[in-house]
């Protein structure tokens, strides 16, 4: 399953992304790393790419926390029913 923010396995391998960074936002990380390499990692460069990647990371975190909350609520409800 790939989305607009998830790169394919071949794209991630071609960009040499470490396994730990191959997540939901990998398609945004690849151009960010290219930009960083071209601009020698200057912090004031690539701000748009970095902001987009960090927003994606935040949204993914919030989605996972909501999912965890729903799972905990469902587990608590199933224990109450027993």
PDB file of N, CA and C in Angstrom:
ATOM      1  N   UNK A   1       0.839  -1.181   0.000  1.00  0.00           N
ATOM      2  CA  UNK A   1       0.000   0.000   0.000  1.00  0.00           C
ATOM      3  C   UNK A   1       0.880   1.238   0.000  1.00  0.00           C
ATOM      4  N   UNK A   2       0.772   2.045  -1.026  1.00  0.00           N
ATOM      5  CA  UNK A   2       1.536   3.286  -1.076  1.00  0.00           C
ATOM      6  C   UNK A   2       0.578   4.456  -1.182  1.00  0.00           C
ATOM      7  N   UNK A   3       0.984   5.542  -0.593  1.00  0.00           N
ATOM      8  CA  UNK A   3       0.181   6.757  -0.683  1.00  0.00           C
ATOM      9  C   UNK A   3       1.025   7.828  -1.351  1.00  0.00           C
ATOM     10  N   UNK A   4       0.512   9.034  -1.388  1.00  0.00           N
ATOM     11  CA  UNK A   4       1.236  10.120  -2.035  1.00  0.00           C
ATOM     12  C   UNK A   4       2.517  10.468  -1.285  1.00  0.00           C
ATOM     13  N   UNK A   5       2.596  10.116  -0.017  1.00  0.00           N
ATOM     14  CA  UNK A   5       3.786  10.445   0.762  1.00  0.00           C
ATOM     15  C   UNK A   5       4.693   9.250   1.010  1.00  0.00           C
ATOM     16  N   UNK A   6       4.352   8.099   0.455  1.00  0.00           N
ATOM     17  CA  UNK A   6       5.164   6.899   0.645  1.00  0.00           C
ATOM     18  C   UNK A   6       5.830   6.529  -0.677  1.00  0.00           C
ATOM     19  N   UNK A   7       7.141   6.432  -0.647  1.00  0.00           N
ATOM     20  CA  UNK A   7       7.884   6.060  -1.844  1.00  0.00           C
ATOM     21  C   UNK A   7       7.894   4.540  -2.002  1.00  0.00           C
ATOM     22  N   UNK A   8       8.137   4.086  -3.212  1.00  0.00           N
ATOM     23  CA  UNK A   8       8.212   2.642  -3.449  1.00  0.00           C
ATOM     24  C   UNK A   8       9.550   2.112  -2.923  1.00  0.00           C
ATOM     25  N   UNK A   9       9.630   0.799  -2.786  1.00  0.00           N
ATOM     26  CA  UNK A   9      10.869   0.182  -2.309  1.00  0.00           C
ATOM     27  C   UNK A   9      12.036   0.518  -3.232  1.00  0.00           C
ATOM     28  N   UNK A  10      11.791   0.513  -4.543  1.00  0.00           N
ATOM     29  CA  UNK A  10      12.856   0.802  -5.499  1.00  0.00           C
ATOM     30  C   UNK A  10      13.343   2.249  -5.355  1.00  0.00           C
ATOM     31  N   UNK A  11      12.403   3.181  -5.158  1.00  0.00           N
ATOM     32  CA  UNK A  11      12.795   4.586  -4.972  1.00  0.00           C
ATOM     33  C   UNK A  11      13.613   4.769  -3.690  1.00  0.00           C
ATOM     34  N   UNK A  12      13.200   4.088  -2.629  1.00  0.00           N
ATOM     35  CA  UNK A  12      13.926   4.215  -1.365  1.00  0.00           C
ATOM     36  C   UNK A  12      15.320   3.605  -1.466  1.00  0.00           C
ATOM     37  N   UNK A  13      15.433   2.477  -2.175  1.00  0.00           N
ATOM     38  CA  UNK A  13      16.750   1.864  -2.364  1.00  0.00           C
ATOM     39  C   UNK A  13      17.642   2.745  -3.225  1.00  0.00           C
ATOM     40  N   UNK A  14      17.067   3.346  -4.275  1.00  0.00           N
ATOM     41  CA  UNK A  14      17.852   4.219  -5.150  1.00  0.00           C
ATOM     42  C   UNK A  14      18.337   5.457  -4.399  1.00  0.00           C
ATOM     43  N   UNK A  15      17.526   5.956  -3.478  1.00  0.00           N
ATOM     44  CA  UNK A  15      17.903   7.138  -2.694  1.00  0.00           C
ATOM     45  C   UNK A  15      18.764   6.754  -1.493  1.00  0.00           C
ATOM     46  N   UNK A  16      18.972   5.451  -1.291  1.00  0.00           N
ATOM     47  CA  UNK A  16      19.787   4.932  -0.189  1.00  0.00           C
ATOM     48  C   UNK A  16      19.276   5.408   1.171  1.00  0.00           C
ATOM     49  N   UNK A  17      17.952   5.346   1.345  1.00  0.00           N
ATOM     50  CA  UNK A  17      17.362   5.703   2.636  1.00  0.00           C
ATOM     51  C   UNK A  17      17.642   4.582   3.641  1.00  0.00           C
ATOM     52  N   UNK A  18      18.090   4.922   4.835  1.00  0.00           N
ATOM     53  CA  UNK A  18      18.262   3.893   5.864  1.00  0.00           C
ATOM     54  C   UNK A  18      16.906   3.274   6.222  1.00  0.00           C
ATOM     55  N   UNK A  19      16.923   2.047   6.684  1.00  0.00           N
ATOM     56  CA  UNK A  19      15.681   1.339   6.986  1.00  0.00           C
ATOM     57  C   UNK A  19      14.829   2.080   8.005  1.00  0.00           C
ATOM     58  N   UNK A  20      15.432   2.730   8.968  1.00  0.00           N
ATOM     59  CA  UNK A  20      14.694   3.442   9.995  1.00  0.00           C
ATOM     60  C   UNK A  20      13.914   4.639   9.496  1.00  0.00           C
ATOM     61  N   UNK A  21      14.244   5.132   8.324  1.00  0.00           N
ATOM     62  CA  UNK A  21      13.573   6.305   7.765  1.00  0.00           C
ATOM     63  C   UNK A  21      12.585   5.951   6.666  1.00  0.00           C
ATOM     64  N   UNK A  22      12.384   4.677   6.422  1.00  0.00           N
ATOM     65  CA  UNK A  22      11.449   4.231   5.376  1.00  0.00           C
ATOM     66  C   UNK A  22      10.053   4.106   5.976  1.00  0.00           C
ATOM     67  N   UNK A  23       9.378   5.241   6.086  1.00  0.00           N
ATOM     68  CA  UNK A  23       8.076   5.268   6.727  1.00  0.00           C
ATOM     69  C   UNK A  23       7.057   5.935   5.814  1.00  0.00           C
ATOM     70  N   UNK A  24       5.958   6.396   6.388  1.00  0.00           N
ATOM     71  CA  UNK A  24       4.874   7.013   5.629  1.00  0.00           C
ATOM     72  C   UNK A  24       5.299   8.274   4.892  1.00  0.00           C
ATOM     73  N   UNK A  25       6.360   8.925   5.331  1.00  0.00           N
ATOM     74  CA  UNK A  25       6.768  10.207   4.751  1.00  0.00           C
ATOM     75  C   UNK A  25       8.023  10.076   3.887  1.00  0.00           C
ATOM     76  N   UNK A  26       8.339   8.890   3.473  1.00  0.00           N
ATOM     77  CA  UNK A  26       9.581   8.662   2.734  1.00  0.00           C
ATOM     78  C   UNK A  26       9.634   9.404   1.406  1.00  0.00           C
ATOM     79  N   UNK A  27       8.494   9.603   0.754  1.00  0.00           N
ATOM     80  CA  UNK A  27       8.493  10.311  -0.534  1.00  0.00           C
ATOM     81  C   UNK A  27       8.847  11.785  -0.354  1.00  0.00           C
ATOM     82  N   UNK A  28       8.645  12.330   0.834  1.00  0.00           N
ATOM     83  CA  UNK A  28       9.020  13.717   1.101  1.00  0.00           C
ATOM     84  C   UNK A  28      10.465  13.823   1.572  1.00  0.00           C
ATOM     85  N   UNK A  29      10.990  12.759   2.153  1.00  0.00           N
ATOM     86  CA  UNK A  29      12.363  12.769   2.641  1.00  0.00           C
ATOM     87  C   UNK A  29      13.375  12.704   1.497  1.00  0.00           C
ATOM     88  N   UNK A  30      13.046  12.015   0.438  1.00  0.00           N
ATOM     89  CA  UNK A  30      13.987  11.856  -0.675  1.00  0.00           C
ATOM     90  C   UNK A  30      14.343  13.210  -1.299  1.00  0.00           C
ATOM     91  N   UNK A  31      13.360  14.055  -1.699  1.00  0.00           N
ATOM     92  CA  UNK A  31      13.755  15.359  -2.241  1.00  0.00           C
ATOM     93  C   UNK A  31      14.404  16.273  -1.195  1.00  0.00           C
ATOM     94  N   UNK A  32      14.037  16.109   0.069  1.00  0.00           N
ATOM     95  CA  UNK A  32      14.677  16.896   1.127  1.00  0.00           C
ATOM     96  C   UNK A  32      16.152  16.540   1.225  1.00  0.00           C
ATOM     97  N   UNK A  33      16.477  15.257   1.180  1.00  0.00           N
ATOM     98  CA  UNK A  33      17.884  14.852   1.235  1.00  0.00           C
ATOM     99  C   UNK A  33      18.655  15.308   0.006  1.00  0.00           C
ATOM    100  N   UNK A  34      18.016  15.296  -1.163  1.00  0.00           N
ATOM    101  CA  UNK A  34      18.677  15.789  -2.382  1.00  0.00           C
ATOM    102  C   UNK A  34      18.983  17.272  -2.233  1.00  0.00           C
ATOM    103  N   UNK A  35      18.001  18.035  -1.748  1.00  0.00           N
ATOM    104  CA  UNK A  35      18.196  19.463  -1.542  1.00  0.00           C
ATOM    105  C   UNK A  35      19.303  19.721  -0.527  1.00  0.00           C
ATOM    106  N   UNK A  36      19.289  18.971   0.568  1.00  0.00           N
ATOM    107  CA  UNK A  36      20.331  19.141   1.588  1.00  0.00           C
ATOM    108  C   UNK A  36      21.710  18.873   1.013  1.00  0.00           C
ATOM    109  N   UNK A  37      21.814  17.838   0.187  1.00  0.00           N
ATOM    110  CA  UNK A  37      23.114  17.509  -0.412  1.00  0.00           C
ATOM    111  C   UNK A  37      23.578  18.620  -1.351  1.00  0.00           C
ATOM    112  N   UNK A  38      22.656  19.156  -2.147  1.00  0.00           N
ATOM    113  CA  UNK A  38      23.016  20.212  -3.102  1.00  0.00           C
ATOM    114  C   UNK A  38      23.432  21.506  -2.400  1.00  0.00           C
ATOM    115  N   UNK A  39      22.833  21.784  -1.236  1.00  0.00           N
ATOM    116  CA  UNK A  39      23.097  23.047  -0.538  1.00  0.00           C
ATOM    117  C   UNK A  39      24.042  22.866   0.644  1.00  0.00           C
ATOM    118  N   UNK A  40      24.712  21.721   0.717  1.00  0.00           N
ATOM    119  CA  UNK A  40      25.693  21.437   1.763  1.00  0.00           C
ATOM    120  C   UNK A  40      25.105  21.566   3.163  1.00  0.00           C
ATOM    121  N   UNK A  41      23.861  21.141   3.321  1.00  0.00           N
ATOM    122  CA  UNK A  41      23.162  21.091   4.609  1.00  0.00           C
ATOM    123  C   UNK A  41      23.055  22.452   5.299  1.00  0.00           C
ATOM    124  N   UNK A  42      22.993  23.520   4.529  1.00  0.00           N
ATOM    125  CA  UNK A  42      22.812  24.840   5.136  1.00  0.00           C
ATOM    126  C   UNK A  42      21.404  24.920   5.720  1.00  0.00           C
ATOM    127  N   UNK A  43      21.289  25.305   7.002  1.00  0.00           N
ATOM    128  CA  UNK A  43      19.987  25.215   7.674  1.00  0.00           C
ATOM    129  C   UNK A  43      18.912  26.133   7.113  1.00  0.00           C
ATOM    130  N   UNK A  44      19.261  27.224   6.488  1.00  0.00           N
ATOM    131  CA  UNK A  44      18.254  28.141   5.952  1.00  0.00           C
ATOM    132  C   UNK A  44      17.813  27.763   4.543  1.00  0.00           C
ATOM    133  N   UNK A  45      18.412  26.755   3.985  1.00  0.00           N
ATOM    134  CA  UNK A  45      18.000  26.247   2.687  1.00  0.00           C
ATOM    135  C   UNK A  45      17.007  25.108   2.880  1.00  0.00           C
ATOM    136  N   UNK A  46      16.265  24.774   1.880  1.00  0.00           N
ATOM    137  CA  UNK A  46      15.345  23.623   1.873  1.00  0.00           C
ATOM    138  C   UNK A  46      14.272  23.733   2.946  1.00  0.00           C
ATOM    139  N   UNK A  47      13.892  24.936   3.320  1.00  0.00           N
ATOM    140  CA  UNK A  47      12.910  25.109   4.384  1.00  0.00           C
ATOM    141  C   UNK A  47      11.542  24.551   3.998  1.00  0.00           C
ATOM    142  N   UNK A  48      11.120  24.756   2.754  1.00  0.00           N
ATOM    143  CA  UNK A  48       9.813  24.254   2.322  1.00  0.00           C
ATOM    144  C   UNK A  48       9.769  22.733   2.378  1.00  0.00           C
ATOM    145  N   UNK A  49      10.827  22.087   1.882  1.00  0.00           N
ATOM    146  CA  UNK A  49      10.876  20.632   1.906  1.00  0.00           C
ATOM    147  C   UNK A  49      10.902  20.110   3.341  1.00  0.00           C
ATOM    148  N   UNK A  50      11.705  20.758   4.184  1.00  0.00           N
ATOM    149  CA  UNK A  50      11.804  20.319   5.579  1.00  0.00           C
ATOM    150  C   UNK A  50      10.477  20.502   6.307  1.00  0.00           C
ATOM    151  N   UNK A  51       9.813  21.631   6.066  1.00  0.00           N
ATOM    152  CA  UNK A  51       8.535  21.875   6.719  1.00  0.00           C
ATOM    153  C   UNK A  51       7.504  20.822   6.299  1.00  0.00           C
ATOM    154  N   UNK A  52       7.460  20.508   5.015  1.00  0.00           N
ATOM    155  CA  UNK A  52       6.531  19.497   4.526  1.00  0.00           C
ATOM    156  C   UNK A  52       6.807  18.132   5.140  1.00  0.00           C
ATOM    157  N   UNK A  53       8.083  17.786   5.242  1.00  0.00           N
ATOM    158  CA  UNK A  53       8.450  16.493   5.829  1.00  0.00           C
ATOM    159  C   UNK A  53       8.098  16.453   7.315  1.00  0.00           C
ATOM    160  N   UNK A  54       8.416  17.521   8.046  1.00  0.00           N
ATOM    161  CA  UNK A  54       8.117  17.545   9.481  1.00  0.00           C
ATOM    162  C   UNK A  54       6.612  17.547   9.742  1.00  0.00           C
ATOM    163  N   UNK A  55       5.841  18.214   8.895  1.00  0.00           N
ATOM    164  CA  UNK A  55       4.373  18.203   9.026  1.00  0.00           C
ATOM    165  C   UNK A  55       3.847  16.794   8.796  1.00  0.00           C
ATOM    166  N   UNK A  56       4.388  16.106   7.817  1.00  0.00           N
ATOM    167  CA  UNK A  56       3.986  14.733   7.545  1.00  0.00           C
ATOM    168  C   UNK A  56       4.310  13.841   8.744  1.00  0.00           C
ATOM    169  N   UNK A  57       5.494  14.015   9.326  1.00  0.00           N
ATOM    170  CA  UNK A  57       5.881  13.236  10.500  1.00  0.00           C
ATOM    171  C   UNK A  57       4.910  13.492  11.660  1.00  0.00           C
ATOM    172  N   UNK A  58       4.554  14.751  11.877  1.00  0.00           N
ATOM    173  CA  UNK A  58       3.632  15.110  12.950  1.00  0.00           C
ATOM    174  C   UNK A  58       2.253  14.498  12.706  1.00  0.00           C
ATOM    175  N   UNK A  59       1.754  14.629  11.471  1.00  0.00           N
ATOM    176  CA  UNK A  59       0.437  14.068  11.149  1.00  0.00           C
ATOM    177  C   UNK A  59       0.427  12.548  11.333  1.00  0.00           C
ATOM    178  N   UNK A  60       1.518  11.888  10.943  1.00  0.00           N
ATOM    179  CA  UNK A  60       1.617  10.439  11.111  1.00  0.00           C
ATOM    180  C   UNK A  60       1.622  10.078  12.592  1.00  0.00           C
ATOM    181  N   UNK A  61       2.335  10.841  13.419  1.00  0.00           N
ATOM    182  CA  UNK A  61       2.359  10.611  14.859  1.00  0.00           C
ATOM    183  C   UNK A  61       0.960  10.774  15.455  1.00  0.00           C
ATOM    184  N   UNK A  62       0.267  11.834  15.070  1.00  0.00           N
ATOM    185  CA  UNK A  62      -1.079  12.068  15.592  1.00  0.00           C
ATOM    186  C   UNK A  62      -2.035  10.946  15.170  1.00  0.00           C
ATOM    187  N   UNK A  63      -1.908  10.475  13.934  1.00  0.00           N
ATOM    188  CA  UNK A  63      -2.745   9.375  13.459  1.00  0.00           C
ATOM    189  C   UNK A  63      -2.499   8.118  14.281  1.00  0.00           C
ATOM    190  N   UNK A  64      -1.233   7.809  14.552  1.00  0.00           N
ATOM    191  CA  UNK A  64      -0.911   6.619  15.343  1.00  0.00           C
ATOM    192  C   UNK A  64      -1.397   6.741  16.779  1.00  0.00           C
ATOM    193  N   UNK A  65      -1.310   7.939  17.365  1.00  0.00           N
ATOM    194  CA  UNK A  65      -1.776   8.131  18.743  1.00  0.00           C
ATOM    195  C   UNK A  65      -3.302   7.997  18.831  1.00  0.00           C
ATOM    196  N   UNK A  66      -4.025   8.499  17.825  1.00  0.00           N
ATOM    197  CA  UNK A  66      -5.484   8.341  17.801  1.00  0.00           C
ATOM    198  C   UNK A  66      -5.862   6.872  17.662  1.00  0.00           C
ATOM    199  N   UNK A  67      -5.119   6.162  16.816  1.00  0.00           N
ATOM    200  CA  UNK A  67      -5.374   4.737  16.639  1.00  0.00           C
ATOM    201  C   UNK A  67      -5.112   3.976  17.940  1.00  0.00           C
ATOM    202  N   UNK A  68      -4.042   4.317  18.648  1.00  0.00           N
ATOM    203  CA  UNK A  68      -3.735   3.676  19.923  1.00  0.00           C
ATOM    204  C   UNK A  68      -4.821   3.959  20.951  1.00  0.00           C
ATOM    205  N   UNK A  69      -5.314   5.188  20.984  1.00  0.00           N
ATOM    206  CA  UNK A  69      -6.383   5.548  21.913  1.00  0.00           C
ATOM    207  C   UNK A  69      -7.637   4.732  21.629  1.00  0.00           C
ATOM    208  N   UNK A  70      -7.984   4.580  20.342  1.00  0.00           N
ATOM    209  CA  UNK A  70      -9.151   3.770  19.982  1.00  0.00           C
ATOM    210  C   UNK A  70      -8.961   2.320  20.396  1.00  0.00           C
ATOM    211  N   UNK A  71      -7.756   1.785  20.205  1.00  0.00           N
ATOM    212  CA  UNK A  71      -7.487   0.406  20.584  1.00  0.00           C
ATOM    213  C   UNK A  71      -7.595   0.217  22.090  1.00  0.00           C
ATOM    214  N   UNK A  72      -7.052   1.159  22.857  1.00  0.00           N
ATOM    215  CA  UNK A  72      -7.140   1.061  24.317  1.00  0.00           C
ATOM    216  C   UNK A  72      -8.585   1.159  24.784  1.00  0.00           C
ATOM    217  N   UNK A  73      -9.352   2.040  24.153  1.00  0.00           N
ATOM    218  CA  UNK A  73     -10.757   2.202  24.519  1.00  0.00           C
ATOM    219  C   UNK A  73     -11.533   0.917  24.214  1.00  0.00           C
ATOM    220  N   UNK A  74     -11.280   0.331  23.052  1.00  0.00           N
ATOM    221  CA  UNK A  74     -11.960  -0.908  22.673  1.00  0.00           C
ATOM    222  C   UNK A  74     -11.570  -2.041  23.624  1.00  0.00           C
ATOM    223  N   UNK A  75     -10.308  -2.093  24.023  1.00  0.00           N
ATOM    224  CA  UNK A  75      -9.877  -3.138  24.953  1.00  0.00           C
ATOM    225  C   UNK A  75     -10.530  -2.965  26.323  1.00  0.00           C
ATOM    226  N   UNK A  76     -10.629  -1.723  26.772  1.00  0.00           N
ATOM    227  CA  UNK A  76     -11.259  -1.452  28.065  1.00  0.00           C
ATOM    228  C   UNK A  76     -12.743  -1.796  28.023  1.00  0.00           C
ATOM    229  N   UNK A  77     -13.405  -1.507  26.909  1.00  0.00           N
ATOM    230  CA  UNK A  77     -14.819  -1.822  26.773  1.00  0.00           C
ATOM    231  C   UNK A  77     -15.044  -3.330  26.742  1.00  0.00           C
ATOM    232  N   UNK A  78     -14.140  -4.063  26.086  1.00  0.00           N
ATOM    233  CA  UNK A  78     -14.312  -5.506  26.027  1.00  0.00           C
ATOM    234  C   UNK A  78     -14.081  -6.135  27.401  1.00  0.00           C
ATOM    235  N   UNK A  79     -13.219  -5.543  28.230  1.00  0.00           N
ATOM    236  CA  UNK A  79     -13.016  -6.052  29.585  1.00  0.00           C
ATOM    237  C   UNK A  79     -14.218  -5.745  30.465  1.00  0.00           C
ATOM    238  N   UNK A  80     -14.861  -4.616  30.242  1.00  0.00           N
ATOM    239  CA  UNK A  80     -16.048  -4.243  31.016  1.00  0.00           C
ATOM    240  C   UNK A  80     -17.225  -5.162  30.726  1.00  0.00           C
ATOM    241  N   UNK A  81     -17.301  -5.648  29.504  1.00  0.00           N
ATOM    242  CA  UNK A  81     -18.413  -6.504  29.108  1.00  0.00           C
ATOM    243  C   UNK A  81     -18.314  -7.890  29.718  1.00  0.00           C
ATOM    244  N   UNK A  82     -17.121  -8.322  30.042  1.00  0.00           N
ATOM    245  CA  UNK A  82     -16.939  -9.688  30.565  1.00  0.00           C
ATOM    246  C   UNK A  82     -17.338  -9.833  31.966  1.00  0.00           C
TER     247      UNK A  82
END
